[in-house]
Every structure is written in C-alpha cells, then in structure tokens.
Amino acid sequence: DVLFRSIGANMLDATSLPSLLDSLQACDSSE
C-alpha cells in the first residue's frame, strides 16, 4: 500500500505496457 501510494502519478500507464514488454524482458536477468 505504501509502495504504490508513494509512486502515485509516476506509475507507468497500463495501456502502454504491451509495447514495453520487450524492453522489460531485455533488462530482466532471471530468464
């Protein structure tokens, strides 16, 4: 609760996530 409330408006919009999945996968180190 504190974590998501602290991020607030800086949280990335959910509608843009499908286009950012590749970039998130590229930086993920756990396969």
Full PDB file with SEQRES, HELIX, SHEET, SSBOND, CRYST1, ORIGX, SCALE, CONECT and MASTER records, all heavy atoms in Angstrom:
SEQRES   1 A   31  ASP VAL LEU PHE ARG SER ILE GLY ALA ASN MET LEU ASP          
SEQRES   2 A   31  ALA THR SER LEU PRO SER LEU LEU ASP SER LEU GLN ALA          
SEQRES   3 A   31  CYS ASP SER SER GLU                                          
HELIX    1 AA1 VAL A    2  ILE A    7  1                                   6    
HELIX    2 AA2 GLY A    8  ASN A   10  5                                   3    
HELIX    3 AA3 ALA A   14  SER A   16  5                                   3    
HELIX    4 AA4 LEU A   17  ALA A   26  1                                  10    
CRYST1    1.000    1.000    1.000  90.00  90.00  90.00 P 1           1          
ORIGX1      1.000000  0.000000  0.000000        0.00000                         
ORIGX2      0.000000  1.000000  0.000000        0.00000                         
ORIGX3      0.000000  0.000000  1.000000        0.00000                         
SCALE1      1.000000  0.000000  0.000000        0.00000                         
SCALE2      0.000000  1.000000  0.000000        0.00000                         
SCALE3      0.000000  0.000000  1.000000        0.00000                         
ATOM      1  N   ASP A   1       0.831  -1.202   0.000  1.00  0.00           N  
ATOM      2  CA  ASP A   1       0.000   0.000   0.000  1.00  0.00           C  
ATOM      3  C   ASP A   1       0.867   1.255   0.000  1.00  0.00           C  
ATOM      4  O   ASP A   1       0.642   2.199  -0.783  1.00  0.00           O  
ATOM      5  CB  ASP A   1      -0.926  -0.021   1.215  1.00  0.00           C  
ATOM      6  CG  ASP A   1      -2.066   0.985   1.089  1.00  0.00           C  
ATOM      7  OD1 ASP A   1      -2.089   1.752   0.103  1.00  0.00           O  
ATOM      8  OD2 ASP A   1      -2.942   1.008   1.974  1.00  0.00           O  
ATOM      9  N   VAL A   2       1.871   1.278   0.867  1.00  0.00           N  
ATOM     10  CA  VAL A   2       2.770   2.439   0.916  1.00  0.00           C  
ATOM     11  C   VAL A   2       3.568   2.556  -0.374  1.00  0.00           C  
ATOM     12  O   VAL A   2       3.791   3.671  -0.897  1.00  0.00           O  
ATOM     13  CB  VAL A   2       3.696   2.332   2.134  1.00  0.00           C  
ATOM     14  CG1 VAL A   2       4.729   3.449   2.130  1.00  0.00           C  
ATOM     15  CG2 VAL A   2       2.890   2.372   3.422  1.00  0.00           C  
ATOM     16  N   LEU A   3       3.981   1.428  -0.943  1.00  0.00           N  
ATOM     17  CA  LEU A   3       4.792   1.448  -2.168  1.00  0.00           C  
ATOM     18  C   LEU A   3       4.012   2.051  -3.330  1.00  0.00           C  
ATOM     19  O   LEU A   3       4.492   2.976  -4.010  1.00  0.00           O  
ATOM     20  CB  LEU A   3       5.251   0.021  -2.491  1.00  0.00           C  
ATOM     21  CG  LEU A   3       6.083  -0.162  -3.755  1.00  0.00           C  
ATOM     22  CD1 LEU A   3       7.414   0.562  -3.636  1.00  0.00           C  
ATOM     23  CD2 LEU A   3       6.320  -1.649  -4.038  1.00  0.00           C  
ATOM     24  N   PHE A   4       2.808   1.569  -3.600  1.00  0.00           N  
ATOM     25  CA  PHE A   4       2.038   2.071  -4.739  1.00  0.00           C  
ATOM     26  C   PHE A   4       1.560   3.507  -4.491  1.00  0.00           C  
ATOM     27  O   PHE A   4       1.485   4.296  -5.440  1.00  0.00           O  
ATOM     28  CB  PHE A   4       0.847   1.150  -5.005  1.00  0.00           C  
ATOM     29  CG  PHE A   4       1.202  -0.095  -5.765  1.00  0.00           C  
ATOM     30  CD1 PHE A   4       1.500  -1.272  -5.099  1.00  0.00           C  
ATOM     31  CD2 PHE A   4       1.255  -0.087  -7.145  1.00  0.00           C  
ATOM     32  CE1 PHE A   4       1.832  -2.418  -5.795  1.00  0.00           C  
ATOM     33  CE2 PHE A   4       1.579  -1.231  -7.857  1.00  0.00           C  
ATOM     34  CZ  PHE A   4       1.884  -2.404  -7.176  1.00  0.00           C  
ATOM     35  N   ARG A   5       1.232   3.845  -3.242  1.00  0.00           N  
ATOM     36  CA  ARG A   5       0.813   5.214  -2.960  1.00  0.00           C  
ATOM     37  C   ARG A   5       1.979   6.180  -3.129  1.00  0.00           C  
ATOM     38  O   ARG A   5       1.786   7.328  -3.563  1.00  0.00           O  
ATOM     39  CB  ARG A   5       0.240   5.312  -1.551  1.00  0.00           C  
ATOM     40  CG  ARG A   5      -0.285   6.717  -1.218  1.00  0.00           C  
ATOM     41  CD  ARG A   5      -0.944   6.766   0.138  1.00  0.00           C  
ATOM     42  NE  ARG A   5      -2.231   6.065   0.116  1.00  0.00           N  
ATOM     43  CZ  ARG A   5      -2.433   4.865   0.651  1.00  0.00           C  
ATOM     44  NH1 ARG A   5      -1.439   4.239   1.258  1.00  0.00           N  
ATOM     45  NH2 ARG A   5      -3.610   4.295   0.580  1.00  0.00           N  
ATOM     46  N   SER A   6       3.195   5.753  -2.812  1.00  0.00           N  
ATOM     47  CA  SER A   6       4.356   6.630  -2.955  1.00  0.00           C  
ATOM     48  C   SER A   6       4.690   6.878  -4.423  1.00  0.00           C  
ATOM     49  O   SER A   6       5.100   7.978  -4.798  1.00  0.00           O  
ATOM     50  CB  SER A   6       5.558   6.012  -2.236  1.00  0.00           C  
ATOM     51  OG  SER A   6       5.288   5.824  -0.856  1.00  0.00           O  
ATOM     52  N   ILE A   7       4.524   5.867  -5.268  1.00  0.00           N  
ATOM     53  CA  ILE A   7       4.807   6.059  -6.704  1.00  0.00           C  
ATOM     54  C   ILE A   7       3.756   6.976  -7.317  1.00  0.00           C  
ATOM     55  O   ILE A   7       4.080   7.902  -8.067  1.00  0.00           O  
ATOM     56  CB  ILE A   7       4.848   4.691  -7.414  1.00  0.00           C  
ATOM     57  CG1 ILE A   7       6.014   3.846  -6.873  1.00  0.00           C  
ATOM     58  CG2 ILE A   7       4.983   4.873  -8.924  1.00  0.00           C  
ATOM     59  CD1 ILE A   7       6.062   2.445  -7.428  1.00  0.00           C  
ATOM     60  N   GLY A   8       2.506   6.728  -7.026  1.00  0.00           N  
ATOM     61  CA  GLY A   8       1.427   7.622  -7.445  1.00  0.00           C  
ATOM     62  C   GLY A   8       1.375   7.866  -8.937  1.00  0.00           C  
ATOM     63  O   GLY A   8       1.285   6.934  -9.756  1.00  0.00           O  
ATOM     64  N   ALA A   9       1.463   9.147  -9.310  1.00  0.00           N  
ATOM     65  CA  ALA A   9       1.326   9.532 -10.722  1.00  0.00           C  
ATOM     66  C   ALA A   9       2.519   9.115 -11.555  1.00  0.00           C  
ATOM     67  O   ALA A   9       2.448   9.143 -12.793  1.00  0.00           O  
ATOM     68  CB  ALA A   9       1.124  11.047 -10.825  1.00  0.00           C  
ATOM     69  N   ASN A  10       3.618   8.751 -10.925  1.00  0.00           N  
ATOM     70  CA  ASN A  10       4.795   8.311 -11.683  1.00  0.00           C  
ATOM     71  C   ASN A  10       4.685   6.865 -12.153  1.00  0.00           C  
ATOM     72  O   ASN A  10       5.602   6.372 -12.817  1.00  0.00           O  
ATOM     73  CB  ASN A  10       6.057   8.465 -10.829  1.00  0.00           C  
ATOM     74  CG  ASN A  10       6.405   9.923 -10.585  1.00  0.00           C  
ATOM     75  OD1 ASN A  10       6.120  10.784 -11.406  1.00  0.00           O  
ATOM     76  ND2 ASN A  10       7.012  10.201  -9.436  1.00  0.00           N  
ATOM     77  N   MET A  11       3.610   6.185 -11.804  1.00  0.00           N  
ATOM     78  CA  MET A  11       3.420   4.815 -12.273  1.00  0.00           C  
ATOM     79  C   MET A  11       3.103   4.830 -13.767  1.00  0.00           C  
ATOM     80  O   MET A  11       2.326   5.653 -14.244  1.00  0.00           O  
ATOM     81  CB  MET A  11       2.277   4.146 -11.506  1.00  0.00           C  
ATOM     82  CG  MET A  11       2.019   2.697 -11.897  1.00  0.00           C  
ATOM     83  SD  MET A  11       3.359   1.598 -11.425  1.00  0.00           S  
ATOM     84  CE  MET A  11       3.153   1.595  -9.635  1.00  0.00           C  
ATOM     85  N   LEU A  12       3.710   3.931 -14.497  1.00  0.00           N  
ATOM     86  CA  LEU A  12       3.518   3.859 -15.942  1.00  0.00           C  
ATOM     87  C   LEU A  12       2.083   3.451 -16.253  1.00  0.00           C  
ATOM     88  O   LEU A  12       1.498   2.607 -15.557  1.00  0.00           O  
ATOM     89  CB  LEU A  12       4.493   2.857 -16.553  1.00  0.00           C  
ATOM     90  CG  LEU A  12       4.667   2.882 -18.070  1.00  0.00           C  
ATOM     91  CD1 LEU A  12       5.266   4.201 -18.522  1.00  0.00           C  
ATOM     92  CD2 LEU A  12       5.549   1.734 -18.509  1.00  0.00           C  
ATOM     93  N   ASP A  13       1.512   4.050 -17.305  1.00  0.00           N  
ATOM     94  CA  ASP A  13       0.138   3.758 -17.687  1.00  0.00           C  
ATOM     95  C   ASP A  13       0.032   2.311 -18.164  1.00  0.00           C  
ATOM     96  O   ASP A  13       0.877   1.827 -18.919  1.00  0.00           O  
ATOM     97  CB  ASP A  13      -0.310   4.716 -18.793  1.00  0.00           C  
ATOM     98  CG  ASP A  13      -1.802   4.589 -19.074  1.00  0.00           C  
ATOM     99  OD1 ASP A  13      -2.471   3.829 -18.344  1.00  0.00           O  
ATOM    100  OD2 ASP A  13      -2.274   5.234 -20.008  1.00  0.00           O  
ATOM    101  N   ALA A  14      -1.027   1.629 -17.713  1.00  0.00           N  
ATOM    102  CA  ALA A  14      -1.192   0.214 -18.060  1.00  0.00           C  
ATOM    103  C   ALA A  14      -1.416   0.008 -19.549  1.00  0.00           C  
ATOM    104  O   ALA A  14      -1.097  -1.060 -20.085  1.00  0.00           O  
ATOM    105  CB  ALA A  14      -2.364  -0.380 -17.272  1.00  0.00           C  
ATOM    106  N   THR A  15      -1.968   1.011 -20.243  1.00  0.00           N  
ATOM    107  CA  THR A  15      -2.231   0.843 -21.680  1.00  0.00           C  
ATOM    108  C   THR A  15      -0.958   0.793 -22.509  1.00  0.00           C  
ATOM    109  O   THR A  15      -0.970   0.297 -23.629  1.00  0.00           O  
ATOM    110  CB  THR A  15      -3.121   1.993 -22.176  1.00  0.00           C  
ATOM    111  OG1 THR A  15      -2.458   3.249 -21.910  1.00  0.00           O  
ATOM    112  CG2 THR A  15      -4.467   1.970 -21.461  1.00  0.00           C  
ATOM    113  N   SER A  16       0.140   1.292 -21.980  1.00  0.00           N  
ATOM    114  CA  SER A  16       1.400   1.290 -22.735  1.00  0.00           C  
ATOM    115  C   SER A  16       2.272   0.087 -22.424  1.00  0.00           C  
ATOM    116  O   SER A  16       3.367  -0.037 -22.975  1.00  0.00           O  
ATOM    117  CB  SER A  16       2.193   2.571 -22.427  1.00  0.00           C  
ATOM    118  OG  SER A  16       2.504   2.651 -21.039  1.00  0.00           O  
ATOM    119  N   LEU A  17       1.825  -0.809 -21.544  1.00  0.00           N  
ATOM    120  CA  LEU A  17       2.649  -1.955 -21.170  1.00  0.00           C  
ATOM    121  C   LEU A  17       2.891  -2.938 -22.315  1.00  0.00           C  
ATOM    122  O   LEU A  17       4.000  -3.459 -22.437  1.00  0.00           O  
ATOM    123  CB  LEU A  17       2.021  -2.681 -19.982  1.00  0.00           C  
ATOM    124  CG  LEU A  17       2.155  -1.984 -18.623  1.00  0.00           C  
ATOM    125  CD1 LEU A  17       1.500  -2.815 -17.543  1.00  0.00           C  
ATOM    126  CD2 LEU A  17       3.619  -1.745 -18.289  1.00  0.00           C  
ATOM    127  N   PRO A  18       1.891  -3.257 -23.152  1.00  0.00           N  
ATOM    128  CA  PRO A  18       2.187  -4.209 -24.233  1.00  0.00           C  
ATOM    129  C   PRO A  18       3.343  -3.786 -25.127  1.00  0.00           C  
ATOM    130  O   PRO A  18       4.090  -4.627 -25.616  1.00  0.00           O  
ATOM    131  CB  PRO A  18       0.859  -4.278 -25.010  1.00  0.00           C  
ATOM    132  CG  PRO A  18      -0.175  -3.936 -23.995  1.00  0.00           C  
ATOM    133  CD  PRO A  18       0.462  -2.912 -23.100  1.00  0.00           C  
ATOM    134  N   SER A  19       3.522  -2.496 -25.338  1.00  0.00           N  
ATOM    135  CA  SER A  19       4.627  -2.043 -26.184  1.00  0.00           C  
ATOM    136  C   SER A  19       5.954  -2.012 -25.436  1.00  0.00           C  
ATOM    137  O   SER A  19       7.010  -1.884 -26.060  1.00  0.00           O  
ATOM    138  CB  SER A  19       4.310  -0.640 -26.735  1.00  0.00           C  
ATOM    139  OG  SER A  19       4.157   0.282 -25.657  1.00  0.00           O  
ATOM    140  N   LEU A  20       5.926  -2.111 -24.105  1.00  0.00           N  
ATOM    141  CA  LEU A  20       7.154  -2.052 -23.315  1.00  0.00           C  
ATOM    142  C   LEU A  20       7.589  -3.407 -22.778  1.00  0.00           C  
ATOM    143  O   LEU A  20       8.577  -3.494 -22.056  1.00  0.00           O  
ATOM    144  CB  LEU A  20       6.964  -1.088 -22.129  1.00  0.00           C  
ATOM    145  CG  LEU A  20       6.685   0.372 -22.485  1.00  0.00           C  
ATOM    146  CD1 LEU A  20       6.444   1.168 -21.226  1.00  0.00           C  
ATOM    147  CD2 LEU A  20       7.831   0.972 -23.286  1.00  0.00           C  
ATOM    148  N   LEU A  21       6.859  -4.450 -23.123  1.00  0.00           N  
ATOM    149  CA  LEU A  21       7.220  -5.770 -22.606  1.00  0.00           C  
ATOM    150  C   LEU A  21       8.592  -6.215 -23.081  1.00  0.00           C  
ATOM    151  O   LEU A  21       9.360  -6.815 -22.331  1.00  0.00           O  
ATOM    152  CB  LEU A  21       6.165  -6.795 -23.022  1.00  0.00           C  
ATOM    153  CG  LEU A  21       4.846  -6.758 -22.245  1.00  0.00           C  
ATOM    154  CD1 LEU A  21       3.860  -7.748 -22.827  1.00  0.00           C  
ATOM    155  CD2 LEU A  21       5.069  -7.043 -20.780  1.00  0.00           C  
ATOM    156  N   ASP A  22       8.929  -5.910 -24.328  1.00  0.00           N  
ATOM    157  CA  ASP A  22      10.235  -6.312 -24.847  1.00  0.00           C  
ATOM    158  C   ASP A  22      11.368  -5.622 -24.107  1.00  0.00           C  
ATOM    159  O   ASP A  22      12.390  -6.247 -23.794  1.00  0.00           O  
ATOM    160  CB  ASP A  22      10.323  -6.012 -26.350  1.00  0.00           C  
ATOM    161  CG  ASP A  22       9.446  -6.949 -27.157  1.00  0.00           C  
ATOM    162  OD1 ASP A  22       9.147  -8.046 -26.657  1.00  0.00           O  
ATOM    163  OD2 ASP A  22       9.051  -6.575 -28.272  1.00  0.00           O  
ATOM    164  N   SER A  23      11.197  -4.348 -23.829  1.00  0.00           N  
ATOM    165  CA  SER A  23      12.257  -3.636 -23.115  1.00  0.00           C  
ATOM    166  C   SER A  23      12.379  -4.124 -21.677  1.00  0.00           C  
ATOM    167  O   SER A  23      13.496  -4.226 -21.137  1.00  0.00           O  
ATOM    168  CB  SER A  23      11.977  -2.129 -23.141  1.00  0.00           C  
ATOM    169  OG  SER A  23      10.754  -1.823 -22.474  1.00  0.00           O  
ATOM    170  N   LEU A  24      11.267  -4.456 -21.038  1.00  0.00           N  
ATOM    171  CA  LEU A  24      11.332  -5.018 -19.692  1.00  0.00           C  
ATOM    172  C   LEU A  24      11.974  -6.395 -19.689  1.00  0.00           C  
ATOM    173  O   LEU A  24      12.742  -6.742 -18.793  1.00  0.00           O  
ATOM    174  CB  LEU A  24       9.925  -5.094 -19.092  1.00  0.00           C  
ATOM    175  CG  LEU A  24       9.282  -3.771 -18.687  1.00  0.00           C  
ATOM    176  CD1 LEU A  24       7.813  -3.987 -18.329  1.00  0.00           C  
ATOM    177  CD2 LEU A  24      10.014  -3.159 -17.500  1.00  0.00           C  
ATOM    178  N   GLN A  25      11.681  -7.188 -20.704  1.00  0.00           N  
ATOM    179  CA  GLN A  25      12.285  -8.513 -20.791  1.00  0.00           C  
ATOM    180  C   GLN A  25      13.783  -8.429 -21.048  1.00  0.00           C  
ATOM    181  O   GLN A  25      14.557  -9.245 -20.528  1.00  0.00           O  
ATOM    182  CB  GLN A  25      11.618  -9.311 -21.917  1.00  0.00           C  
ATOM    183  CG  GLN A  25      12.155 -10.717 -22.087  1.00  0.00           C  
ATOM    184  CD  GLN A  25      11.736 -11.624 -20.951  1.00  0.00           C  
ATOM    185  OE1 GLN A  25      10.561 -11.886 -20.760  1.00  0.00           O  
ATOM    186  NE2 GLN A  25      12.690 -12.105 -20.183  1.00  0.00           N  
ATOM    187  N   ALA A  26      14.199  -7.441 -21.818  1.00  0.00           N  
ATOM    188  CA  ALA A  26      15.620  -7.324 -22.147  1.00  0.00           C  
ATOM    189  C   ALA A  26      16.461  -7.012 -20.917  1.00  0.00           C  
ATOM    190  O   ALA A  26      17.624  -7.435 -20.836  1.00  0.00           O  
ATOM    191  CB  ALA A  26      15.817  -6.244 -23.215  1.00  0.00           C  
ATOM    192  N   CYS A  27      15.906  -6.306 -19.953  1.00  0.00           N  
ATOM    193  CA  CYS A  27      16.676  -5.958 -18.758  1.00  0.00           C  
ATOM    194  C   CYS A  27      16.463  -6.947 -17.628  1.00  0.00           C  
ATOM    195  O   CYS A  27      17.066  -6.793 -16.560  1.00  0.00           O  
ATOM    196  CB  CYS A  27      16.323  -4.551 -18.293  1.00  0.00           C  
ATOM    197  SG  CYS A  27      14.647  -4.417 -17.593  1.00  0.00           S  
ATOM    198  N   ASP A  28      15.623  -7.953 -17.812  1.00  0.00           N  
ATOM    199  CA  ASP A  28      15.383  -8.935 -16.762  1.00  0.00           C  
ATOM    200  C   ASP A  28      16.497  -9.974 -16.786  1.00  0.00           C  
ATOM    201  O   ASP A  28      16.805 -10.553 -17.834  1.00  0.00           O  
ATOM    202  CB  ASP A  28      14.025  -9.614 -16.973  1.00  0.00           C  
ATOM    203  CG  ASP A  28      13.655 -10.517 -15.813  1.00  0.00           C  
ATOM    204  OD1 ASP A  28      13.126 -10.007 -14.823  1.00  0.00           O  
ATOM    205  OD2 ASP A  28      13.927 -11.724 -15.906  1.00  0.00           O  
ATOM    206  N   SER A  29      17.077 -10.218 -15.643  1.00  0.00           N  
ATOM    207  CA  SER A  29      18.241 -11.106 -15.560  1.00  0.00           C  
ATOM    208  C   SER A  29      17.894 -12.523 -15.145  1.00  0.00           C  
ATOM    209  O   SER A  29      18.797 -13.354 -15.030  1.00  0.00           O  
ATOM    210  CB  SER A  29      19.242 -10.533 -14.552  1.00  0.00           C  
ATOM    211  OG  SER A  29      18.652 -10.418 -13.264  1.00  0.00           O  
ATOM    212  N   SER A  30      16.633 -12.815 -14.924  1.00  0.00           N  
ATOM    213  CA  SER A  30      16.270 -14.129 -14.387  1.00  0.00           C  
ATOM    214  C   SER A  30      15.657 -15.063 -15.422  1.00  0.00           C  
ATOM    215  O   SER A  30      15.082 -16.087 -15.039  1.00  0.00           O  
ATOM    216  CB  SER A  30      15.276 -13.957 -13.229  1.00  0.00           C  
ATOM    217  OG  SER A  30      14.095 -13.313 -13.674  1.00  0.00           O  
ATOM    218  N   GLU A  31      15.747 -14.727 -16.718  1.00  0.00           N  
ATOM    219  CA  GLU A  31      15.216 -15.589 -17.777  1.00  0.00           C  
ATOM    220  C   GLU A  31      13.742 -15.926 -17.522  1.00  0.00           C  
ATOM    221  O   GLU A  31      13.292 -17.054 -17.681  1.00  0.00           O  
ATOM    222  CB  GLU A  31      16.031 -16.878 -17.884  1.00  0.00           C  
ATOM    223  CG  GLU A  31      17.510 -16.642 -18.154  1.00  0.00           C  
ATOM    224  CD  GLU A  31      18.323 -17.921 -18.084  1.00  0.00           C  
ATOM    225  OE1 GLU A  31      17.740 -18.955 -17.720  1.00  0.00           O  
ATOM    226  OE2 GLU A  31      19.527 -17.877 -18.383  1.00  0.00           O  
TER     227      GLU A  31                                                      
MASTER        0    0    0    4    0    0    0    6  226    1    0    3          
END                                                                             
